[in-house]
Amino acid sequence: QALGWATLGTDTDPVAVTHARSRGLEVIEGGLEDVEGARRFDAIVGKH
């Protein structure tokens, strides 16, 4: 986000989601299937 991307995150772990949201990030609790199909992205990443 600091490097210029508009970001969205997902994670199934509610504790992790809480920490991510505390950074001011938009994060969905769930997996990829929980992201609305109408949204479109230039890149999707999954680190381990």
ModelCIF file with pLDDT and N, C-alpha, C, O atoms, coordinates in Angstrom:
data_MODEL
#
_entry.id   MODEL 
#
_entity.id                         1 
_entity.type                       polymer 
_entity.pdbx_number_of_molecules   1 
#
_entity_poly.entity_id                      1 
_entity_poly.type                           'polypeptide(L)' 
_entity_poly.nstd_linkage                   no 
_entity_poly.nstd_monomer                   no 
_entity_poly.pdbx_seq_one_letter_code       QALGWATLGTDTDPVAVTHARSRGLEVIEGGLEDVEGARRFDAIVGKH 
_entity_poly.pdbx_seq_one_letter_code_can   QALGWATLGTDTDPVAVTHARSRGLEVIEGGLEDVEGARRFDAIVGKH 
_entity_poly.pdbx_strand_id                 A 
#
loop_
_entity_poly_seq.entity_id 
_entity_poly_seq.num 
_entity_poly_seq.mon_id 
_entity_poly_seq.hetero 
1 1  GLN n 
1 2  ALA n 
1 3  LEU n 
1 4  GLY n 
1 5  TRP n 
1 6  ALA n 
1 7  THR n 
1 8  LEU n 
1 9  GLY n 
1 10 THR n 
1 11 ASP n 
1 12 THR n 
1 13 ASP n 
1 14 PRO n 
1 15 VAL n 
1 16 ALA n 
1 17 VAL n 
1 18 THR n 
1 19 HIS n 
1 20 ALA n 
1 21 ARG n 
1 22 SER n 
1 23 ARG n 
1 24 GLY n 
1 25 LEU n 
1 26 GLU n 
1 27 VAL n 
1 28 ILE n 
1 29 GLU n 
1 30 GLY n 
1 31 GLY n 
1 32 LEU n 
1 33 GLU n 
1 34 ASP n 
1 35 VAL n 
1 36 GLU n 
1 37 GLY n 
1 38 ALA n 
1 39 ARG n 
1 40 ARG n 
1 41 PHE n 
1 42 ASP n 
1 43 ALA n 
1 44 ILE n 
1 45 VAL n 
1 46 GLY n 
1 47 LYS n 
1 48 HIS n 
#
_struct_asym.id          A 
_struct_asym.entity_id   1 
#
loop_
_ma_qa_metric.id 
_ma_qa_metric.mode 
_ma_qa_metric.name 
_ma_qa_metric.software_group_id 
_ma_qa_metric.type 
1 global pLDDT . pLDDT 
2 local  pLDDT . pLDDT 
#
_ma_qa_metric_global.metric_id      1 
_ma_qa_metric_global.metric_value   93.46 
_ma_qa_metric_global.model_id       1 
_ma_qa_metric_global.ordinal_id     1 
#
loop_
_ma_qa_metric_local.label_asym_id 
_ma_qa_metric_local.label_comp_id 
_ma_qa_metric_local.label_seq_id 
_ma_qa_metric_local.metric_id 
_ma_qa_metric_local.metric_value 
_ma_qa_metric_local.model_id 
_ma_qa_metric_local.ordinal_id 
A GLN 1  2 95.00 1 1  
A ALA 2  2 94.00 1 2  
A LEU 3  2 94.00 1 3  
A GLY 4  2 93.00 1 4  
A TRP 5  2 95.00 1 5  
A ALA 6  2 95.00 1 6  
A THR 7  2 96.00 1 7  
A LEU 8  2 97.00 1 8  
A GLY 9  2 97.00 1 9  
A THR 10 2 97.00 1 10 
A ASP 11 2 95.00 1 11 
A THR 12 2 92.00 1 12 
A ASP 13 2 91.00 1 13 
A PRO 14 2 92.00 1 14 
A VAL 15 2 92.00 1 15 
A ALA 16 2 92.00 1 16 
A VAL 17 2 95.00 1 17 
A THR 18 2 95.00 1 18 
A HIS 19 2 94.00 1 19 
A ALA 20 2 96.00 1 20 
A ARG 21 2 96.00 1 21 
A SER 22 2 96.00 1 22 
A ARG 23 2 95.00 1 23 
A GLY 24 2 95.00 1 24 
A LEU 25 2 96.00 1 25 
A GLU 26 2 96.00 1 26 
A VAL 27 2 97.00 1 27 
A ILE 28 2 96.00 1 28 
A GLU 29 2 96.00 1 29 
A GLY 30 2 94.00 1 30 
A GLY 31 2 91.00 1 31 
A LEU 32 2 92.00 1 32 
A GLU 33 2 91.00 1 33 
A ASP 34 2 93.00 1 34 
A VAL 35 2 93.00 1 35 
A GLU 36 2 85.00 1 36 
A GLY 37 2 77.00 1 37 
A ALA 38 2 75.00 1 38 
A ARG 39 2 81.00 1 39 
A ARG 40 2 92.00 1 40 
A PHE 41 2 96.00 1 41 
A ASP 42 2 95.00 1 42 
A ALA 43 2 97.00 1 43 
A ILE 44 2 97.00 1 44 
A VAL 45 2 98.00 1 45 
A GLY 46 2 97.00 1 46 
A LYS 47 2 96.00 1 47 
A HIS 48 2 96.00 1 48 
#
loop_
_atom_site.group_PDB 
_atom_site.id 
_atom_site.type_symbol 
_atom_site.label_atom_id 
_atom_site.label_alt_id 
_atom_site.label_comp_id 
_atom_site.label_asym_id 
_atom_site.label_entity_id 
_atom_site.label_seq_id 
_atom_site.pdbx_PDB_ins_code 
_atom_site.Cartn_x 
_atom_site.Cartn_y 
_atom_site.Cartn_z 
_atom_site.occupancy 
_atom_site.B_iso_or_equiv 
_atom_site.pdbx_formal_charge 
_atom_site.auth_seq_id 
_atom_site.auth_comp_id 
_atom_site.auth_asym_id 
_atom_site.auth_atom_id 
_atom_site.pdbx_PDB_model_num 
ATOM 1   N N  . GLN A 1 1  ? 0.832   -1.200  0.000   1.00 95.00 ? 1  GLN A N  1 
ATOM 2   C CA . GLN A 1 1  ? 0.000   0.000   0.000   1.00 95.00 ? 1  GLN A CA 1 
ATOM 3   C C  . GLN A 1 1  ? 0.869   1.254   0.000   1.00 95.00 ? 1  GLN A C  1 
ATOM 4   O O  . GLN A 1 1  ? 0.574   2.225   -0.697  1.00 95.00 ? 1  GLN A O  1 
ATOM 5   N N  . ALA A 1 2  ? 1.946   1.224   0.791   1.00 94.00 ? 2  ALA A N  1 
ATOM 6   C CA . ALA A 1 2  ? 2.870   2.363   0.829   1.00 94.00 ? 2  ALA A CA 1 
ATOM 7   C C  . ALA A 1 2  ? 3.569   2.555   -0.509  1.00 94.00 ? 2  ALA A C  1 
ATOM 8   O O  . ALA A 1 2  ? 3.999   3.663   -0.830  1.00 94.00 ? 2  ALA A O  1 
ATOM 9   N N  . LEU A 1 3  ? 3.687   1.484   -1.295  1.00 94.00 ? 3  LEU A N  1 
ATOM 10  C CA . LEU A 1 3  ? 4.344   1.556   -2.600  1.00 94.00 ? 3  LEU A CA 1 
ATOM 11  C C  . LEU A 1 3  ? 3.371   1.851   -3.740  1.00 94.00 ? 3  LEU A C  1 
ATOM 12  O O  . LEU A 1 3  ? 3.745   1.798   -4.912  1.00 94.00 ? 3  LEU A O  1 
ATOM 13  N N  . GLY A 1 4  ? 2.124   2.162   -3.393  1.00 93.00 ? 4  GLY A N  1 
ATOM 14  C CA . GLY A 1 4  ? 1.201   2.652   -4.417  1.00 93.00 ? 4  GLY A CA 1 
ATOM 15  C C  . GLY A 1 4  ? 0.102   1.721   -4.841  1.00 93.00 ? 4  GLY A C  1 
ATOM 16  O O  . GLY A 1 4  ? -0.673  2.073   -5.731  1.00 93.00 ? 4  GLY A O  1 
ATOM 17  N N  . TRP A 1 5  ? -0.010  0.541   -4.249  1.00 95.00 ? 5  TRP A N  1 
ATOM 18  C CA . TRP A 1 5  ? -1.069  -0.383  -4.611  1.00 95.00 ? 5  TRP A CA 1 
ATOM 19  C C  . TRP A 1 5  ? -2.319  -0.120  -3.764  1.00 95.00 ? 5  TRP A C  1 
ATOM 20  O O  . TRP A 1 5  ? -2.218  0.263   -2.599  1.00 95.00 ? 5  TRP A O  1 
ATOM 21  N N  . ALA A 1 6  ? -3.488  -0.328  -4.357  1.00 95.00 ? 6  ALA A N  1 
ATOM 22  C CA . ALA A 1 6  ? -4.736  -0.409  -3.611  1.00 95.00 ? 6  ALA A CA 1 
ATOM 23  C C  . ALA A 1 6  ? -4.908  -1.862  -3.204  1.00 95.00 ? 6  ALA A C  1 
ATOM 24  O O  . ALA A 1 6  ? -4.879  -2.747  -4.058  1.00 95.00 ? 6  ALA A O  1 
ATOM 25  N N  . THR A 1 7  ? -5.088  -2.125  -1.909  1.00 96.00 ? 7  THR A N  1 
ATOM 26  C CA . THR A 1 7  ? -4.964  -3.492  -1.425  1.00 96.00 ? 7  THR A CA 1 
ATOM 27  C C  . THR A 1 7  ? -6.245  -4.018  -0.795  1.00 96.00 ? 7  THR A C  1 
ATOM 28  O O  . THR A 1 7  ? -7.083  -3.266  -0.298  1.00 96.00 ? 7  THR A O  1 
ATOM 29  N N  . LEU A 1 8  ? -6.359  -5.343  -0.839  1.00 97.00 ? 8  LEU A N  1 
ATOM 30  C CA . LEU A 1 8  ? -7.379  -6.089  -0.115  1.00 97.00 ? 8  LEU A CA 1 
ATOM 31  C C  . LEU A 1 8  ? -6.736  -7.388  0.339   1.00 97.00 ? 8  LEU A C  1 
ATOM 32  O O  . LEU A 1 8  ? -5.958  -7.997  -0.395  1.00 97.00 ? 8  LEU A O  1 
ATOM 33  N N  . GLY A 1 9  ? -7.066  -7.804  1.552   1.00 97.00 ? 9  GLY A N  1 
ATOM 34  C CA . GLY A 1 9  ? -6.540  -9.062  2.064   1.00 97.00 ? 9  GLY A CA 1 
ATOM 35  C C  . GLY A 1 9  ? -7.647  -9.992  2.493   1.00 97.00 ? 9  GLY A C  1 
ATOM 36  O O  . GLY A 1 9  ? -8.762  -9.558  2.781   1.00 97.00 ? 9  GLY A O  1 
ATOM 37  N N  . THR A 1 10 ? -7.332  -11.289 2.536   1.00 97.00 ? 10 THR A N  1 
ATOM 38  C CA . THR A 1 10 ? -8.229  -12.277 3.129   1.00 97.00 ? 10 THR A CA 1 
ATOM 39  C C  . THR A 1 10 ? -7.415  -13.162 4.049   1.00 97.00 ? 10 THR A C  1 
ATOM 40  O O  . THR A 1 10 ? -6.235  -13.411 3.800   1.00 97.00 ? 10 THR A O  1 
ATOM 41  N N  . ASP A 1 11 ? -8.041  -13.636 5.104   1.00 95.00 ? 11 ASP A N  1 
ATOM 42  C CA . ASP A 1 11 ? -7.422  -14.641 5.967   1.00 95.00 ? 11 ASP A CA 1 
ATOM 43  C C  . ASP A 1 11 ? -8.524  -15.331 6.749   1.00 95.00 ? 11 ASP A C  1 
ATOM 44  O O  . ASP A 1 11 ? -9.497  -14.700 7.161   1.00 95.00 ? 11 ASP A O  1 
ATOM 45  N N  . THR A 1 12 ? -8.363  -16.629 6.950   1.00 92.00 ? 12 THR A N  1 
ATOM 46  C CA . THR A 1 12 ? -9.372  -17.399 7.680   1.00 92.00 ? 12 THR A CA 1 
ATOM 47  C C  . THR A 1 12 ? -9.181  -17.322 9.187   1.00 92.00 ? 12 THR A C  1 
ATOM 48  O O  . THR A 1 12 ? -10.054 -17.748 9.943   1.00 92.00 ? 12 THR A O  1 
ATOM 49  N N  . ASP A 1 13 ? -8.058  -16.786 9.632   1.00 91.00 ? 13 ASP A N  1 
ATOM 50  C CA . ASP A 1 13 ? -7.735  -16.714 11.054  1.00 91.00 ? 13 ASP A CA 1 
ATOM 51  C C  . ASP A 1 13 ? -8.276  -15.401 11.633  1.00 91.00 ? 13 ASP A C  1 
ATOM 52  O O  . ASP A 1 13 ? -7.777  -14.335 11.273  1.00 91.00 ? 13 ASP A O  1 
ATOM 53  N N  . PRO A 1 14 ? -9.276  -15.443 12.514  1.00 92.00 ? 14 PRO A N  1 
ATOM 54  C CA . PRO A 1 14 ? -9.867  -14.197 13.018  1.00 92.00 ? 14 PRO A CA 1 
ATOM 55  C C  . PRO A 1 14 ? -8.895  -13.320 13.801  1.00 92.00 ? 14 PRO A C  1 
ATOM 56  O O  . PRO A 1 14 ? -9.006  -12.095 13.774  1.00 92.00 ? 14 PRO A O  1 
ATOM 57  N N  . VAL A 1 15 ? -7.941  -13.941 14.499  1.00 92.00 ? 15 VAL A N  1 
ATOM 58  C CA . VAL A 1 15 ? -6.965  -13.146 15.244  1.00 92.00 ? 15 VAL A CA 1 
ATOM 59  C C  . VAL A 1 15 ? -6.071  -12.382 14.272  1.00 92.00 ? 15 VAL A C  1 
ATOM 60  O O  . VAL A 1 15 ? -5.809  -11.196 14.470  1.00 92.00 ? 15 VAL A O  1 
ATOM 61  N N  . ALA A 1 16 ? -5.602  -13.056 13.224  1.00 92.00 ? 16 ALA A N  1 
ATOM 62  C CA . ALA A 1 16 ? -4.781  -12.392 12.222  1.00 92.00 ? 16 ALA A CA 1 
ATOM 63  C C  . ALA A 1 16 ? -5.543  -11.262 11.542  1.00 92.00 ? 16 ALA A C  1 
ATOM 64  O O  . ALA A 1 16 ? -4.988  -10.192 11.294  1.00 92.00 ? 16 ALA A O  1 
ATOM 65  N N  . VAL A 1 17 ? -6.816  -11.505 11.244  1.00 95.00 ? 17 VAL A N  1 
ATOM 66  C CA . VAL A 1 17 ? -7.638  -10.479 10.603  1.00 95.00 ? 17 VAL A CA 1 
ATOM 67  C C  . VAL A 1 17 ? -7.762  -9.243  11.500  1.00 95.00 ? 17 VAL A C  1 
ATOM 68  O O  . VAL A 1 17 ? -7.690  -8.110  11.023  1.00 95.00 ? 17 VAL A O  1 
ATOM 69  N N  . THR A 1 18 ? -7.945  -9.473  12.784  1.00 95.00 ? 18 THR A N  1 
ATOM 70  C CA . THR A 1 18 ? -8.030  -8.356  13.727  1.00 95.00 ? 18 THR A CA 1 
ATOM 71  C C  . THR A 1 18 ? -6.752  -7.533  13.712  1.00 95.00 ? 18 THR A C  1 
ATOM 72  O O  . THR A 1 18 ? -6.804  -6.303  13.687  1.00 95.00 ? 18 THR A O  1 
ATOM 73  N N  . HIS A 1 19 ? -5.600  -8.208  13.727  1.00 94.00 ? 19 HIS A N  1 
ATOM 74  C CA . HIS A 1 19 ? -4.324  -7.491  13.694  1.00 94.00 ? 19 HIS A CA 1 
ATOM 75  C C  . HIS A 1 19 ? -4.161  -6.725  12.380  1.00 94.00 ? 19 HIS A C  1 
ATOM 76  O O  . HIS A 1 19 ? -3.704  -5.582  12.377  1.00 94.00 ? 19 HIS A O  1 
ATOM 77  N N  . ALA A 1 20 ? -4.536  -7.356  11.263  1.00 96.00 ? 20 ALA A N  1 
ATOM 78  C CA . ALA A 1 20 ? -4.401  -6.690  9.969   1.00 96.00 ? 20 ALA A CA 1 
ATOM 79  C C  . ALA A 1 20 ? -5.294  -5.450  9.891   1.00 96.00 ? 20 ALA A C  1 
ATOM 80  O O  . ALA A 1 20 ? -4.879  -4.409  9.382   1.00 96.00 ? 20 ALA A O  1 
ATOM 81  N N  . ARG A 1 21 ? -6.508  -5.568  10.394  1.00 96.00 ? 21 ARG A N  1 
ATOM 82  C CA . ARG A 1 21 ? -7.421  -4.417  10.372  1.00 96.00 ? 21 ARG A CA 1 
ATOM 83  C C  . ARG A 1 21 ? -6.927  -3.293  11.269  1.00 96.00 ? 21 ARG A C  1 
ATOM 84  O O  . ARG A 1 21 ? -7.188  -2.119  11.003  1.00 96.00 ? 21 ARG A O  1 
ATOM 85  N N  . SER A 1 22 ? -6.214  -3.652  12.331  1.00 96.00 ? 22 SER A N  1 
ATOM 86  C CA . SER A 1 22 ? -5.678  -2.611  13.218  1.00 96.00 ? 22 SER A CA 1 
ATOM 87  C C  . SER A 1 22 ? -4.625  -1.767  12.521  1.00 96.00 ? 22 SER A C  1 
ATOM 88  O O  . SER A 1 22 ? -4.292  -0.682  12.999  1.00 96.00 ? 22 SER A O  1 
ATOM 89  N N  . ARG A 1 23 ? -4.093  -2.243  11.397  1.00 95.00 ? 23 ARG A N  1 
ATOM 90  C CA . ARG A 1 23 ? -3.157  -1.465  10.584  1.00 95.00 ? 23 ARG A CA 1 
ATOM 91  C C  . ARG A 1 23 ? -3.894  -0.505  9.650   1.00 95.00 ? 23 ARG A C  1 
ATOM 92  O O  . ARG A 1 23 ? -3.259  0.271   8.935   1.00 95.00 ? 23 ARG A O  1 
ATOM 93  N N  . GLY A 1 24 ? -5.217  -0.552  9.650   1.00 95.00 ? 24 GLY A N  1 
ATOM 94  C CA . GLY A 1 24 ? -5.995  0.282   8.743   1.00 95.00 ? 24 GLY A CA 1 
ATOM 95  C C  . GLY A 1 24 ? -6.249  -0.366  7.403   1.00 95.00 ? 24 GLY A C  1 
ATOM 96  O O  . GLY A 1 24 ? -6.630  0.318   6.453   1.00 95.00 ? 24 GLY A O  1 
ATOM 97  N N  . LEU A 1 25 ? -6.046  -1.679  7.298   1.00 96.00 ? 25 LEU A N  1 
ATOM 98  C CA . LEU A 1 25 ? -6.206  -2.391  6.040   1.00 96.00 ? 25 LEU A CA 1 
ATOM 99  C C  . LEU A 1 25 ? -7.621  -2.917  5.879   1.00 96.00 ? 25 LEU A C  1 
ATOM 100 O O  . LEU A 1 25 ? -8.309  -3.191  6.863   1.00 96.00 ? 25 LEU A O  1 
ATOM 101 N N  . GLU A 1 26 ? -8.054  -3.057  4.621   1.00 96.00 ? 26 GLU A N  1 
ATOM 102 C CA . GLU A 1 26 ? -9.313  -3.728  4.326   1.00 96.00 ? 26 GLU A CA 1 
ATOM 103 C C  . GLU A 1 26 ? -9.029  -5.224  4.195   1.00 96.00 ? 26 GLU A C  1 
ATOM 104 O O  . GLU A 1 26 ? -8.307  -5.645  3.291   1.00 96.00 ? 26 GLU A O  1 
ATOM 105 N N  . VAL A 1 27 ? -9.590  -6.017  5.089   1.00 97.00 ? 27 VAL A N  1 
ATOM 106 C CA . VAL A 1 27 ? -9.325  -7.454  5.125   1.00 97.00 ? 27 VAL A CA 1 
ATOM 107 C C  . VAL A 1 27 ? -10.630 -8.196  5.353   1.00 97.00 ? 27 VAL A C  1 
ATOM 108 O O  . VAL A 1 27 ? -11.414 -7.840  6.233   1.00 97.00 ? 27 VAL A O  1 
ATOM 109 N N  . ILE A 1 28 ? -10.858 -9.230  4.556   1.00 96.00 ? 28 ILE A N  1 
ATOM 110 C CA . ILE A 1 28 ? -12.028 -10.084 4.675   1.00 96.00 ? 28 ILE A CA 1 
ATOM 111 C C  . ILE A 1 28 ? -11.648 -11.326 5.481   1.00 96.00 ? 28 ILE A C  1 
ATOM 112 O O  . ILE A 1 28 ? -10.616 -11.946 5.224   1.00 96.00 ? 28 ILE A O  1 
ATOM 113 N N  . GLU A 1 29 ? -12.477 -11.684 6.446   1.00 96.00 ? 29 GLU A N  1 
ATOM 114 C CA . GLU A 1 29 ? -12.251 -12.934 7.167   1.00 96.00 ? 29 GLU A CA 1 
ATOM 115 C C  . GLU A 1 29 ? -12.845 -14.071 6.331   1.00 96.00 ? 29 GLU A C  1 
ATOM 116 O O  . GLU A 1 29 ? -14.063 -14.198 6.210   1.00 96.00 ? 29 GLU A O  1 
ATOM 117 N N  . GLY A 1 30 ? -11.979 -14.877 5.769   1.00 94.00 ? 30 GLY A N  1 
ATOM 118 C CA . GLY A 1 30 ? -12.409 -15.965 4.898   1.00 94.00 ? 30 GLY A CA 1 
ATOM 119 C C  . GLY A 1 30 ? -11.340 -16.268 3.875   1.00 94.00 ? 30 GLY A C  1 
ATOM 120 O O  . GLY A 1 30 ? -10.188 -15.861 4.026   1.00 94.00 ? 30 GLY A O  1 
ATOM 121 N N  . GLY A 1 31 ? -11.725 -16.987 2.831   1.00 91.00 ? 31 GLY A N  1 
ATOM 122 C CA . GLY A 1 31 ? -10.799 -17.361 1.777   1.00 91.00 ? 31 GLY A CA 1 
ATOM 123 C C  . GLY A 1 31 ? -11.065 -16.600 0.494   1.00 91.00 ? 31 GLY A C  1 
ATOM 124 O O  . GLY A 1 31 ? -11.846 -15.648 0.473   1.00 91.00 ? 31 GLY A O  1 
ATOM 125 N N  . LEU A 1 32 ? -10.409 -17.027 -0.577  1.00 92.00 ? 32 LEU A N  1 
ATOM 126 C CA . LEU A 1 32 ? -10.606 -16.379 -1.870  1.00 92.00 ? 32 LEU A CA 1 
ATOM 127 C C  . LEU A 1 32 ? -12.062 -16.426 -2.325  1.00 92.00 ? 32 LEU A C  1 
ATOM 128 O O  . LEU A 1 32 ? -12.553 -15.493 -2.959  1.00 92.00 ? 32 LEU A O  1 
ATOM 129 N N  . GLU A 1 33 ? -12.745 -17.517 -1.996  1.00 91.00 ? 33 GLU A N  1 
ATOM 130 C CA . GLU A 1 33 ? -14.125 -17.673 -2.434  1.00 91.00 ? 33 GLU A CA 1 
ATOM 131 C C  . GLU A 1 33 ? -15.055 -16.654 -1.786  1.00 91.00 ? 33 GLU A C  1 
ATOM 132 O O  . GLU A 1 33 ? -16.181 -16.460 -2.244  1.00 91.00 ? 33 GLU A O  1 
ATOM 133 N N  . ASP A 1 34 ? -14.587 -16.002 -0.721  1.00 93.00 ? 34 ASP A N  1 
ATOM 134 C CA . ASP A 1 34 ? -15.417 -15.008 -0.033  1.00 93.00 ? 34 ASP A CA 1 
ATOM 135 C C  . ASP A 1 34 ? -15.251 -13.605 -0.603  1.00 93.00 ? 34 ASP A C  1 
ATOM 136 O O  . ASP A 1 34 ? -15.908 -12.671 -0.143  1.00 93.00 ? 34 ASP A O  1 
ATOM 137 N N  . VAL A 1 35 ? -14.379 -13.446 -1.599  1.00 93.00 ? 35 VAL A N  1 
ATOM 138 C CA . VAL A 1 35 ? -14.234 -12.158 -2.274  1.00 93.00 ? 35 VAL A CA 1 
ATOM 139 C C  . VAL A 1 35 ? -15.293 -12.061 -3.364  1.00 93.00 ? 35 VAL A C  1 
ATOM 140 O O  . VAL A 1 35 ? -15.453 -12.985 -4.161  1.00 93.00 ? 35 VAL A O  1 
ATOM 141 N N  . GLU A 1 36 ? -16.009 -10.955 -3.402  1.00 85.00 ? 36 GLU A N  1 
ATOM 142 C CA . GLU A 1 36 ? -17.089 -10.780 -4.369  1.00 85.00 ? 36 GLU A CA 1 
ATOM 143 C C  . GLU A 1 36 ? -16.575 -10.915 -5.794  1.00 85.00 ? 36 GLU A C  1 
ATOM 144 O O  . GLU A 1 36 ? -15.527 -10.372 -6.145  1.00 85.00 ? 36 GLU A O  1 
ATOM 145 N N  . GLY A 1 37 ? -17.320 -11.639 -6.601  1.00 77.00 ? 37 GLY A N  1 
ATOM 146 C CA . GLY A 1 37 ? -16.898 -11.878 -7.974  1.00 77.00 ? 37 GLY A CA 1 
ATOM 147 C C  . GLY A 1 37 ? -16.847 -10.638 -8.835  1.00 77.00 ? 37 GLY A C  1 
ATOM 148 O O  . GLY A 1 37 ? -16.186 -10.630 -9.874  1.00 77.00 ? 37 GLY A O  1 
ATOM 149 N N  . ALA A 1 38 ? -17.551 -9.563  -8.410  1.00 75.00 ? 38 ALA A N  1 
ATOM 150 C CA . ALA A 1 38 ? -17.554 -8.337  -9.206  1.00 75.00 ? 38 ALA A CA 1 
ATOM 151 C C  . ALA A 1 38 ? -16.256 -7.549  -9.066  1.00 75.00 ? 38 ALA A C  1 
ATOM 152 O O  . ALA A 1 38 ? -15.985 -6.672  -9.886  1.00 75.00 ? 38 ALA A O  1 
ATOM 153 N N  . ARG A 1 39 ? -15.455 -7.837  -8.056  1.00 81.00 ? 39 ARG A N  1 
ATOM 154 C CA . ARG A 1 39 ? -14.198 -7.099  -7.841  1.00 81.00 ? 39 ARG A CA 1 
ATOM 155 C C  . ARG A 1 39 ? -13.129 -7.672  -8.769  1.00 81.00 ? 39 ARG A C  1 
ATOM 156 O O  . ARG A 1 39 ? -13.086 -8.878  -9.013  1.00 81.00 ? 39 ARG A O  1 
ATOM 157 N N  . ARG A 1 40 ? -12.269 -6.795  -9.280  1.00 92.00 ? 40 ARG A N  1 
ATOM 158 C CA . ARG A 1 40 ? -11.215 -7.210  -10.195 1.00 92.00 ? 40 ARG A CA 1 
ATOM 159 C C  . ARG A 1 40 ? -9.874  -6.658  -9.724  1.00 92.00 ? 40 ARG A C  1 
ATOM 160 O O  . ARG A 1 40 ? -9.792  -5.541  -9.213  1.00 92.00 ? 40 ARG A O  1 
ATOM 161 N N  . PHE A 1 41 ? -8.833  -7.451  -9.904  1.00 96.00 ? 41 PHE A N  1 
ATOM 162 C CA . PHE A 1 41 ? -7.511  -7.113  -9.395  1.00 96.00 ? 41 PHE A CA 1 
ATOM 163 C C  . PHE A 1 41 ? -6.473  -7.258  -10.504 1.00 96.00 ? 41 PHE A C  1 
ATOM 164 O O  . PHE A 1 41 ? -6.619  -8.056  -11.430 1.00 96.00 ? 41 PHE A O  1 
ATOM 165 N N  . ASP A 1 42 ? -5.428  -6.458  -10.374 1.00 95.00 ? 42 ASP A N  1 
ATOM 166 C CA . ASP A 1 42 ? -4.305  -6.556  -11.303 1.00 95.00 ? 42 ASP A CA 1 
ATOM 167 C C  . ASP A 1 42 ? -3.337  -7.666  -10.901 1.00 95.00 ? 42 ASP A C  1 
ATOM 168 O O  . ASP A 1 42 ? -2.635  -8.224  -11.744 1.00 95.00 ? 42 ASP A O  1 
ATOM 169 N N  . ALA A 1 43 ? -3.306  -7.976  -9.620  1.00 97.00 ? 43 ALA A N  1 
ATOM 170 C CA . ALA A 1 43 ? -2.426  -9.031  -9.130  1.00 97.00 ? 43 ALA A CA 1 
ATOM 171 C C  . ALA A 1 43 ? -3.043  -9.675  -7.903  1.00 97.00 ? 43 ALA A C  1 
ATOM 172 O O  . ALA A 1 43 ? -3.659  -9.005  -7.074  1.00 97.00 ? 43 ALA A O  1 
ATOM 173 N N  . ILE A 1 44 ? -2.867  -10.992 -7.798  1.00 97.00 ? 44 ILE A N  1 
ATOM 174 C CA . ILE A 1 44 ? -3.244  -11.750 -6.601  1.00 97.00 ? 44 ILE A CA 1 
ATOM 175 C C  . ILE A 1 44 ? -2.003  -12.503 -6.151  1.00 97.00 ? 44 ILE A C  1 
ATOM 176 O O  . ILE A 1 44 ? -1.334  -13.147 -6.958  1.00 97.00 ? 44 ILE A O  1 
ATOM 177 N N  . VAL A 1 45 ? -1.694  -12.420 -4.851  1.00 98.00 ? 45 VAL A N  1 
ATOM 178 C CA . VAL A 1 45 ? -0.493  -13.053 -4.333  1.00 98.00 ? 45 VAL A CA 1 
ATOM 179 C C  . VAL A 1 45 ? -0.836  -13.949 -3.159  1.00 98.00 ? 45 VAL A C  1 
ATOM 180 O O  . VAL A 1 45 ? -1.774  -13.683 -2.407  1.00 98.00 ? 45 VAL A O  1 
ATOM 181 N N  . GLY A 1 46 ? -0.064  -15.013 -3.013  1.00 97.00 ? 46 GLY A N  1 
ATOM 182 C CA . GLY A 1 46 ? -0.204  -15.926 -1.887  1.00 97.00 ? 46 GLY A CA 1 
ATOM 183 C C  . GLY A 1 46 ? 1.169   -16.375 -1.430  1.00 97.00 ? 46 GLY A C  1 
ATOM 184 O O  . GLY A 1 46 ? 1.835   -17.145 -2.122  1.00 97.00 ? 46 GLY A O  1 
ATOM 185 N N  . LYS A 1 47 ? 1.598   -15.903 -0.273  1.00 96.00 ? 47 LYS A N  1 
ATOM 186 C CA . LYS A 1 47 ? 2.923   -16.194 0.254   1.00 96.00 ? 47 LYS A CA 1 
ATOM 187 C C  . LYS A 1 47 ? 2.839   -17.355 1.238   1.00 96.00 ? 47 LYS A C  1 
ATOM 188 O O  . LYS A 1 47 ? 2.393   -17.194 2.374   1.00 96.00 ? 47 LYS A O  1 
ATOM 189 N N  . HIS A 1 48 ? 3.273   -18.524 0.782   1.00 96.00 ? 48 HIS A N  1 
ATOM 190 C CA . HIS A 1 48 ? 3.225   -19.736 1.600   1.00 96.00 ? 48 HIS A CA 1 
ATOM 191 C C  . HIS A 1 48 ? 1.838   -19.921 2.213   1.00 96.00 ? 48 HIS A C  1 
ATOM 192 O O  . HIS A 1 48 ? 1.607   -20.890 2.935   1.00 96.00 ? 48 HIS A O  1 
#
